Amino acid sequence: MDTPRFTPEFKEEAVRQITKRGYSVAEVSDCPGVSAHSLCKWQRAIQPDNSEQHARDLLEPKARS
C-alpha cells in the first residue's frame, strides 16, 4: 500500500485548521489518509516552539483593556 504524499500547501492548511480555525487534531485527521501523528509532526515543523513565550504569558499579569 502506498503512503499518501501531501503538498506543503496541504500540510500548511491542515495545521491552519487546527491553530487558526479551532478544529481538533482528531477532526482534521478524519480526512482520508491523514493521521494524527502526521498532523502533530507537521505542526511542529511549521510553527516555531513558543514554549518560553507561552510561559512568560502565563506568568505576566494581563493588561486590562
N, C-alpha and C. Protein backbone atom coordinates (compact mmCIF):
# COMPACT_ATOMS: atom_id res chain seq x y z
N MET A 1 0.85 -1.18 0.00
CA MET A 1 0.00 0.00 0.00
C MET A 1 0.89 1.24 0.00
N ASP A 2 0.58 2.20 -0.86
CA ASP A 2 1.37 3.41 -0.97
C ASP A 2 1.05 4.37 0.17
N THR A 3 2.09 5.04 0.65
CA THR A 3 1.91 6.09 1.64
C THR A 3 1.50 7.35 0.90
N PRO A 4 0.41 8.00 1.34
CA PRO A 4 -0.01 9.21 0.63
C PRO A 4 1.04 10.31 0.77
N ARG A 5 1.21 11.10 -0.27
CA ARG A 5 2.12 12.23 -0.27
C ARG A 5 1.28 13.51 -0.29
N PHE A 6 1.61 14.43 0.58
CA PHE A 6 0.86 15.67 0.68
C PHE A 6 1.76 16.84 0.32
N THR A 7 1.19 17.82 -0.36
CA THR A 7 1.94 19.01 -0.74
C THR A 7 2.18 19.88 0.50
N PRO A 8 3.19 20.73 0.44
CA PRO A 8 3.40 21.67 1.55
C PRO A 8 2.18 22.54 1.81
N GLU A 9 1.48 22.92 0.74
CA GLU A 9 0.27 23.75 0.89
C GLU A 9 -0.82 22.99 1.65
N PHE A 10 -0.98 21.72 1.36
CA PHE A 10 -1.96 20.90 2.05
C PHE A 10 -1.62 20.81 3.54
N LYS A 11 -0.34 20.58 3.83
CA LYS A 11 0.10 20.47 5.22
C LYS A 11 -0.13 21.77 5.98
N GLU A 12 0.21 22.91 5.34
CA GLU A 12 0.00 24.21 5.98
C GLU A 12 -1.48 24.45 6.26
N GLU A 13 -2.33 24.11 5.32
CA GLU A 13 -3.76 24.30 5.52
C GLU A 13 -4.29 23.39 6.63
N ALA A 14 -3.81 22.17 6.70
CA ALA A 14 -4.23 21.26 7.76
C ALA A 14 -3.84 21.81 9.13
N VAL A 15 -2.63 22.33 9.25
CA VAL A 15 -2.18 22.93 10.51
C VAL A 15 -3.00 24.18 10.80
N ARG A 16 -3.29 24.97 9.79
CA ARG A 16 -4.10 26.18 9.96
C ARG A 16 -5.50 25.82 10.50
N GLN A 17 -6.05 24.71 10.05
CA GLN A 17 -7.36 24.27 10.54
C GLN A 17 -7.33 24.06 12.06
N ILE A 18 -6.20 23.59 12.56
CA ILE A 18 -6.06 23.34 14.00
C ILE A 18 -5.76 24.62 14.76
N THR A 19 -4.78 25.38 14.26
CA THR A 19 -4.28 26.53 15.02
C THR A 19 -5.13 27.78 14.88
N LYS A 20 -5.70 28.00 13.72
CA LYS A 20 -6.43 29.25 13.49
C LYS A 20 -7.94 29.08 13.50
N ARG A 21 -8.41 27.93 13.08
CA ARG A 21 -9.86 27.74 12.94
C ARG A 21 -10.47 26.94 14.07
N GLY A 22 -9.63 26.44 14.98
CA GLY A 22 -10.15 25.80 16.18
C GLY A 22 -10.56 24.35 16.07
N TYR A 23 -10.25 23.70 14.96
CA TYR A 23 -10.56 22.28 14.84
C TYR A 23 -9.57 21.47 15.67
N SER A 24 -10.01 20.33 16.17
CA SER A 24 -9.11 19.46 16.92
C SER A 24 -8.30 18.61 15.94
N VAL A 25 -7.19 18.06 16.44
CA VAL A 25 -6.38 17.17 15.63
C VAL A 25 -7.22 16.00 15.16
N ALA A 26 -8.06 15.48 16.03
CA ALA A 26 -8.91 14.33 15.67
C ALA A 26 -9.85 14.68 14.52
N GLU A 27 -10.43 15.89 14.54
CA GLU A 27 -11.35 16.29 13.48
C GLU A 27 -10.62 16.40 12.13
N VAL A 28 -9.44 17.00 12.15
CA VAL A 28 -8.70 17.17 10.90
C VAL A 28 -8.15 15.84 10.41
N SER A 29 -7.79 14.96 11.34
CA SER A 29 -7.25 13.66 10.92
C SER A 29 -8.32 12.72 10.37
N ASP A 30 -9.59 13.15 10.42
CA ASP A 30 -10.65 12.37 9.79
C ASP A 30 -10.55 12.39 8.27
N CYS A 31 -9.78 13.34 7.74
CA CYS A 31 -9.57 13.37 6.28
C CYS A 31 -8.88 12.08 5.87
N PRO A 32 -9.27 11.52 4.76
CA PRO A 32 -8.68 10.25 4.32
C PRO A 32 -7.15 10.34 4.18
N GLY A 33 -6.47 9.43 4.84
CA GLY A 33 -5.03 9.33 4.71
C GLY A 33 -4.21 10.21 5.62
N VAL A 34 -4.85 11.05 6.43
CA VAL A 34 -4.12 11.95 7.33
C VAL A 34 -4.20 11.39 8.75
N SER A 35 -3.05 11.10 9.33
CA SER A 35 -3.04 10.58 10.70
C SER A 35 -2.79 11.71 11.69
N ALA A 36 -3.23 11.51 12.92
CA ALA A 36 -2.99 12.48 13.98
C ALA A 36 -1.48 12.66 14.19
N HIS A 37 -0.73 11.58 14.07
CA HIS A 37 0.72 11.65 14.22
C HIS A 37 1.33 12.59 13.17
N SER A 38 0.89 12.45 11.93
CA SER A 38 1.39 13.33 10.86
C SER A 38 1.04 14.78 11.13
N LEU A 39 -0.18 15.03 11.57
CA LEU A 39 -0.60 16.40 11.84
C LEU A 39 0.26 17.03 12.93
N CYS A 40 0.53 16.31 13.98
CA CYS A 40 1.36 16.83 15.07
C CYS A 40 2.78 17.10 14.56
N LYS A 41 3.28 16.22 13.72
CA LYS A 41 4.62 16.40 13.15
C LYS A 41 4.65 17.63 12.25
N TRP A 42 3.63 17.82 11.43
CA TRP A 42 3.56 18.98 10.55
C TRP A 42 3.47 20.26 11.37
N GLN A 43 2.69 20.22 12.43
CA GLN A 43 2.51 21.40 13.26
C GLN A 43 3.84 21.82 13.90
N ARG A 44 4.60 20.86 14.40
CA ARG A 44 5.91 21.17 14.99
C ARG A 44 6.86 21.74 13.94
N ALA A 45 6.77 21.24 12.72
CA ALA A 45 7.66 21.70 11.66
C ALA A 45 7.30 23.10 11.17
N ILE A 46 6.02 23.41 11.15
CA ILE A 46 5.56 24.69 10.61
C ILE A 46 5.62 25.80 11.64
N GLN A 47 5.24 25.49 12.88
CA GLN A 47 5.19 26.52 13.91
C GLN A 47 6.44 26.48 14.76
N PRO A 48 6.98 27.65 15.08
CA PRO A 48 8.13 27.68 15.98
C PRO A 48 7.72 27.26 17.39
N ASP A 49 8.69 26.83 18.15
CA ASP A 49 8.43 26.43 19.54
C ASP A 49 8.25 27.70 20.37
N ASN A 50 7.05 27.92 20.83
CA ASN A 50 6.74 29.12 21.61
C ASN A 50 6.63 28.82 23.10
N SER A 51 7.26 27.76 23.57
CA SER A 51 7.08 27.37 24.97
C SER A 51 7.57 28.43 25.94
N GLU A 52 8.69 29.11 25.63
CA GLU A 52 9.18 30.15 26.53
C GLU A 52 8.23 31.34 26.53
N GLN A 53 7.76 31.75 25.36
CA GLN A 53 6.81 32.85 25.29
C GLN A 53 5.51 32.49 26.00
N HIS A 54 5.06 31.27 25.83
CA HIS A 54 3.83 30.83 26.50
C HIS A 54 4.00 30.89 28.01
N ALA A 55 5.14 30.47 28.52
CA ALA A 55 5.39 30.51 29.96
C ALA A 55 5.38 31.96 30.46
N ARG A 56 6.01 32.87 29.71
CA ARG A 56 6.00 34.29 30.10
C ARG A 56 4.58 34.84 30.11
N ASP A 57 3.81 34.47 29.10
CA ASP A 57 2.43 34.94 29.02
C ASP A 57 1.61 34.49 30.22
N LEU A 58 1.86 33.30 30.68
CA LEU A 58 1.13 32.77 31.83
C LEU A 58 1.54 33.46 33.12
N LEU A 59 2.82 33.82 33.22
CA LEU A 59 3.34 34.39 34.46
C LEU A 59 3.13 35.90 34.57
N GLU A 60 3.12 36.60 33.45
CA GLU A 60 2.96 38.05 33.48
C GLU A 60 1.48 38.40 33.69
N PRO A 61 1.23 39.42 34.52
CA PRO A 61 -0.17 39.81 34.71
C PRO A 61 -0.76 40.35 33.40
N LYS A 62 -2.01 40.08 33.19
CA LYS A 62 -2.70 40.53 31.99
C LYS A 62 -2.98 42.03 32.09
N ALA A 63 -2.74 42.75 31.01
CA ALA A 63 -3.06 44.18 30.98
C ALA A 63 -4.55 44.33 30.78
N ARG A 64 -5.14 45.24 31.49
CA ARG A 64 -6.59 45.48 31.35
C ARG A 64 -6.84 46.34 30.14
N SER A 65 -7.85 45.97 29.40
CA SER A 65 -8.20 46.73 28.18
C SER A 65 -9.17 47.82 28.51
